[in-house]
Amino acid sequence: MTAACREAGLADPRLEEIATRFRVTIFTSRVNRPTLDDTDQAIVDGLSDGRAS
C-alpha cells in the first residue's frame, strides 16, 4: 500500500491502531510526480506529441 501511494506521487498512508481496530488514511494530495514505467512514459510522450493511435 505504501509503495502504491509513492508510485502515484501521494504521501505515505497513515496507519493507526485504535483500540481493537485498524485505520488506514490515504491522502489524495500529490507530494511528488507519479512514477512512470517505460510503457506509461511512451503513452504520455505519444499523447503530448499528438501521435496517439
PDB file of N, CA and C in Angstrom:
ATOM      1  N   MET A   1       0.823  -1.174   0.000  1.00  0.00           N
ATOM      2  CA  MET A   1       0.000   0.000   0.000  1.00  0.00           C
ATOM      3  C   MET A   1       0.884   1.260   0.000  1.00  0.00           C
ATOM      4  N   THR A   2       1.927   1.228   0.803  1.00  0.00           N
ATOM      5  CA  THR A   2       2.842   2.362   0.853  1.00  0.00           C
ATOM      6  C   THR A   2       3.525   2.556  -0.489  1.00  0.00           C
ATOM      7  N   ALA A   3       3.979   1.473  -1.096  1.00  0.00           N
ATOM      8  CA  ALA A   3       4.646   1.562  -2.400  1.00  0.00           C
ATOM      9  C   ALA A   3       3.695   2.094  -3.467  1.00  0.00           C
ATOM     10  N   ALA A   4       2.446   1.662  -3.450  1.00  0.00           N
ATOM     11  CA  ALA A   4       1.471   2.134  -4.430  1.00  0.00           C
ATOM     12  C   ALA A   4       1.224   3.626  -4.275  1.00  0.00           C
ATOM     13  N   CYS A   5       1.152   4.106  -3.044  1.00  0.00           N
ATOM     14  CA  CYS A   5       0.965   5.547  -2.816  1.00  0.00           C
ATOM     15  C   CYS A   5       2.167   6.327  -3.326  1.00  0.00           C
ATOM     16  N   ARG A   6       3.364   5.834  -3.043  1.00  0.00           N
ATOM     17  CA  ARG A   6       4.574   6.525  -3.503  1.00  0.00           C
ATOM     18  C   ARG A   6       4.641   6.563  -5.027  1.00  0.00           C
ATOM     19  N   GLU A   7       4.308   5.443  -5.682  1.00  0.00           N
ATOM     20  CA  GLU A   7       4.327   5.390  -7.143  1.00  0.00           C
ATOM     21  C   GLU A   7       3.317   6.365  -7.748  1.00  0.00           C
ATOM     22  N   ALA A   8       2.218   6.591  -7.045  1.00  0.00           N
ATOM     23  CA  ALA A   8       1.198   7.508  -7.530  1.00  0.00           C
ATOM     24  C   ALA A   8       1.510   8.961  -7.192  1.00  0.00           C
ATOM     25  N   GLY A   9       2.623   9.191  -6.479  1.00  0.00           N
ATOM     26  CA  GLY A   9       3.003  10.558  -6.113  1.00  0.00           C
ATOM     27  C   GLY A   9       2.305  11.054  -4.867  1.00  0.00           C
ATOM     28  N   LEU A  10       1.698  10.158  -4.106  1.00  0.00           N
ATOM     29  CA  LEU A  10       0.974  10.536  -2.901  1.00  0.00           C
ATOM     30  C   LEU A  10       1.851  10.349  -1.670  1.00  0.00           C
ATOM     31  N   ALA A  11       1.450  11.005  -0.585  1.00  0.00           N
ATOM     32  CA  ALA A  11       2.149  10.824   0.684  1.00  0.00           C
ATOM     33  C   ALA A  11       1.918   9.401   1.186  1.00  0.00           C
ATOM     34  N   ASP A  12       2.820   8.931   2.035  1.00  0.00           N
ATOM     35  CA  ASP A  12       2.634   7.608   2.637  1.00  0.00           C
ATOM     36  C   ASP A  12       1.318   7.595   3.410  1.00  0.00           C
ATOM     37  N   PRO A  13       0.624   6.472   3.395  1.00  0.00           N
ATOM     38  CA  PRO A  13      -0.627   6.402   4.138  1.00  0.00           C
ATOM     39  C   PRO A  13      -0.354   6.452   5.644  1.00  0.00           C
ATOM     40  N   ARG A  14      -1.352   6.929   6.385  1.00  0.00           N
ATOM     41  CA  ARG A  14      -1.251   6.941   7.842  1.00  0.00           C
ATOM     42  C   ARG A  14      -1.888   5.647   8.345  1.00  0.00           C
ATOM     43  N   LEU A  15      -1.137   4.877   9.118  1.00  0.00           N
ATOM     44  CA  LEU A  15      -1.615   3.613   9.670  1.00  0.00           C
ATOM     45  C   LEU A  15      -1.801   3.803  11.172  1.00  0.00           C
ATOM     46  N   GLU A  16      -3.013   3.554  11.653  1.00  0.00           N
ATOM     47  CA  GLU A  16      -3.313   3.774  13.063  1.00  0.00           C
ATOM     48  C   GLU A  16      -4.011   2.556  13.661  1.00  0.00           C
ATOM     49  N   GLU A  17      -3.595   2.195  14.853  1.00  0.00           N
ATOM     50  CA  GLU A  17      -4.307   1.182  15.622  1.00  0.00           C
ATOM     51  C   GLU A  17      -5.137   1.920  16.657  1.00  0.00           C
ATOM     52  N   ILE A  18      -6.434   1.709  16.616  1.00  0.00           N
ATOM     53  CA  ILE A  18      -7.355   2.393  17.510  1.00  0.00           C
ATOM     54  C   ILE A  18      -8.142   1.320  18.252  1.00  0.00           C
ATOM     55  N   ALA A  19      -7.772   1.117  19.504  1.00  0.00           N
ATOM     56  CA  ALA A  19      -8.367   0.067  20.340  1.00  0.00           C
ATOM     57  C   ALA A  19      -8.202  -1.276  19.632  1.00  0.00           C
ATOM     58  N   THR A  20      -9.294  -1.920  19.246  1.00  0.00           N
ATOM     59  CA  THR A  20      -9.211  -3.220  18.569  1.00  0.00           C
ATOM     60  C   THR A  20      -9.394  -3.091  17.062  1.00  0.00           C
ATOM     61  N   ARG A  21      -9.279  -1.895  16.556  1.00  0.00           N
ATOM     62  CA  ARG A  21      -9.479  -1.646  15.119  1.00  0.00           C
ATOM     63  C   ARG A  21      -8.205  -1.080  14.503  1.00  0.00           C
ATOM     64  N   PHE A  22      -8.197  -1.069  13.183  1.00  0.00           N
ATOM     65  CA  PHE A  22      -7.055  -0.577  12.430  1.00  0.00           C
ATOM     66  C   PHE A  22      -7.576   0.380  11.370  1.00  0.00           C
ATOM     67  N   ARG A  23      -6.984   1.555  11.272  1.00  0.00           N
ATOM     68  CA  ARG A  23      -7.433   2.548  10.302  1.00  0.00           C
ATOM     69  C   ARG A  23      -6.275   2.917   9.378  1.00  0.00           C
ATOM     70  N   VAL A  24      -6.591   3.016   8.086  1.00  0.00           N
ATOM     71  CA  VAL A  24      -5.625   3.463   7.084  1.00  0.00           C
ATOM     72  C   VAL A  24      -6.192   4.723   6.450  1.00  0.00           C
ATOM     73  N   THR A  25      -5.415   5.800   6.479  1.00  0.00           N
ATOM     74  CA  THR A  25      -5.817   7.048   5.829  1.00  0.00           C
ATOM     75  C   THR A  25      -4.928   7.243   4.614  1.00  0.00           C
ATOM     76  N   ILE A  26      -5.562   7.332   3.441  1.00  0.00           N
ATOM     77  CA  ILE A  26      -4.822   7.571   2.198  1.00  0.00           C
ATOM     78  C   ILE A  26      -5.075   9.014   1.784  1.00  0.00           C
ATOM     79  N   PHE A  27      -4.006   9.760   1.670  1.00  0.00           N
ATOM     80  CA  PHE A  27      -4.093  11.173   1.316  1.00  0.00           C
ATOM     81  C   PHE A  27      -4.140  11.325  -0.198  1.00  0.00           C
ATOM     82  N   THR A  28      -4.936  12.265  -0.681  1.00  0.00           N
ATOM     83  CA  THR A  28      -5.100  12.430  -2.125  1.00  0.00           C
ATOM     84  C   THR A  28      -4.321  13.604  -2.696  1.00  0.00           C
ATOM     85  N   SER A  29      -3.682  14.381  -1.857  1.00  0.00           N
ATOM     86  CA  SER A  29      -2.865  15.494  -2.349  1.00  0.00           C
ATOM     87  C   SER A  29      -1.518  14.956  -2.800  1.00  0.00           C
ATOM     88  N   ARG A  30      -1.117  15.305  -3.998  1.00  0.00           N
ATOM     89  CA  ARG A  30       0.162  14.832  -4.536  1.00  0.00           C
ATOM     90  C   ARG A  30       1.312  15.573  -3.864  1.00  0.00           C
ATOM     91  N   VAL A  31       2.335  14.818  -3.507  1.00  0.00           N
ATOM     92  CA  VAL A  31       3.552  15.398  -2.941  1.00  0.00           C
ATOM     93  C   VAL A  31       4.727  15.250  -3.899  1.00  0.00           C
ATOM     94  N   ASN A  32       4.587  14.379  -4.889  1.00  0.00           N
ATOM     95  CA  ASN A  32       5.610  14.145  -5.915  1.00  0.00           C
ATOM     96  C   ASN A  32       4.913  13.821  -7.226  1.00  0.00           C
ATOM     97  N   ARG A  33       5.694  13.794  -8.284  1.00  0.00           N
ATOM     98  CA  ARG A  33       5.150  13.342  -9.567  1.00  0.00           C
ATOM     99  C   ARG A  33       5.006  11.823  -9.533  1.00  0.00           C
ATOM    100  N   PRO A  34       3.976  11.287 -10.176  1.00  0.00           N
ATOM    101  CA  PRO A  34       3.835   9.826 -10.226  1.00  0.00           C
ATOM    102  C   PRO A  34       5.030   9.183 -10.931  1.00  0.00           C
ATOM    103  N   THR A  35       5.368   7.982 -10.518  1.00  0.00           N
ATOM    104  CA  THR A  35       6.434   7.215 -11.147  1.00  0.00           C
ATOM    105  C   THR A  35       5.884   6.546 -12.397  1.00  0.00           C
ATOM    106  N   LEU A  36       6.556   6.744 -13.529  1.00  0.00           N
ATOM    107  CA  LEU A  36       6.110   6.151 -14.786  1.00  0.00           C
ATOM    108  C   LEU A  36       7.089   5.081 -15.235  1.00  0.00           C
ATOM    109  N   ASP A  37       6.560   3.911 -15.623  1.00  0.00           N
ATOM    110  CA  ASP A  37       7.435   2.903 -16.219  1.00  0.00           C
ATOM    111  C   ASP A  37       7.587   3.227 -17.703  1.00  0.00           C
ATOM    112  N   ASP A  38       8.333   2.428 -18.437  1.00  0.00           N
ATOM    113  CA  ASP A  38       8.607   2.717 -19.849  1.00  0.00           C
ATOM    114  C   ASP A  38       7.324   2.786 -20.680  1.00  0.00           C
ATOM    115  N   THR A  39       6.385   1.889 -20.417  1.00  0.00           N
ATOM    116  CA  THR A  39       5.120   1.885 -21.165  1.00  0.00           C
ATOM    117  C   THR A  39       4.317   3.143 -20.885  1.00  0.00           C
ATOM    118  N   ASP A  40       4.197   3.494 -19.594  1.00  0.00           N
ATOM    119  CA  ASP A  40       3.473   4.715 -19.234  1.00  0.00           C
ATOM    120  C   ASP A  40       4.110   5.943 -19.884  1.00  0.00           C
ATOM    121  N   GLN A  41       5.445   6.012 -19.858  1.00  0.00           N
ATOM    122  CA  GLN A  41       6.143   7.161 -20.430  1.00  0.00           C
ATOM    123  C   GLN A  41       5.920   7.237 -21.933  1.00  0.00           C
ATOM    124  N   ALA A  42       5.919   6.098 -22.622  1.00  0.00           N
ATOM    125  CA  ALA A  42       5.675   6.082 -24.063  1.00  0.00           C
ATOM    126  C   ALA A  42       4.274   6.585 -24.376  1.00  0.00           C
ATOM    127  N   ILE A  43       3.304   6.223 -23.561  1.00  0.00           N
ATOM    128  CA  ILE A  43       1.928   6.698 -23.763  1.00  0.00           C
ATOM    129  C   ILE A  43       1.854   8.203 -23.568  1.00  0.00           C
ATOM    130  N   VAL A  44       2.462   8.699 -22.500  1.00  0.00           N
ATOM    131  CA  VAL A  44       2.448  10.144 -22.238  1.00  0.00           C
ATOM    132  C   VAL A  44       3.142  10.894 -23.367  1.00  0.00           C
ATOM    133  N   ASP A  45       4.293  10.380 -23.812  1.00  0.00           N
ATOM    134  CA  ASP A  45       5.016  11.024 -24.912  1.00  0.00           C
ATOM    135  C   ASP A  45       4.181  11.038 -26.188  1.00  0.00           C
ATOM    136  N   GLY A  46       3.525   9.925 -26.492  1.00  0.00           N
ATOM    137  CA  GLY A  46       2.690   9.860 -27.692  1.00  0.00           C
ATOM    138  C   GLY A  46       1.521  10.817 -27.633  1.00  0.00           C
ATOM    139  N   LEU A  47       0.913  10.950 -26.456  1.00  0.00           N
ATOM    140  CA  LEU A  47      -0.210  11.884 -26.322  1.00  0.00           C
ATOM    141  C   LEU A  47       0.252  13.329 -26.441  1.00  0.00           C
ATOM    142  N   SER A  48       1.403  13.635 -25.855  1.00  0.00           N
ATOM    143  CA  SER A  48       1.869  15.025 -25.917  1.00  0.00           C
ATOM    144  C   SER A  48       2.371  15.382 -27.311  1.00  0.00           C
ATOM    145  N   ASP A  49       2.809  14.396 -28.101  1.00  0.00           N
ATOM    146  CA  ASP A  49       3.274  14.648 -29.462  1.00  0.00           C
ATOM    147  C   ASP A  49       2.139  14.594 -30.482  1.00  0.00           C
ATOM    148  N   GLY A  50       0.960  14.182 -30.038  1.00  0.00           N
ATOM    149  CA  GLY A  50      -0.164  14.049 -30.958  1.00  0.00           C
ATOM    150  C   GLY A  50      -0.093  12.808 -31.807  1.00  0.00           C
ATOM    151  N   ARG A  51       0.728  11.820 -31.414  1.00  0.00           N
ATOM    152  CA  ARG A  51       0.899  10.608 -32.205  1.00  0.00           C
ATOM    153  C   ARG A  51       0.058   9.451 -31.678  1.00  0.00           C
ATOM    154  N   ALA A  52      -0.843   9.691 -30.759  1.00  0.00           N
ATOM    155  CA  ALA A  52      -1.635   8.605 -30.192  1.00  0.00           C
ATOM    156  C   ALA A  52      -2.500   7.977 -31.284  1.00  0.00           C
ATOM    157  N   SER A  53      -2.556   6.642 -31.261  1.00  0.00           N
ATOM    158  CA  SER A  53      -3.362   5.963 -32.279  1.00  0.00           C
ATOM    159  C   SER A  53      -4.437   5.131 -31.649  1.00  0.00           C
TER     160      SER A  53
END
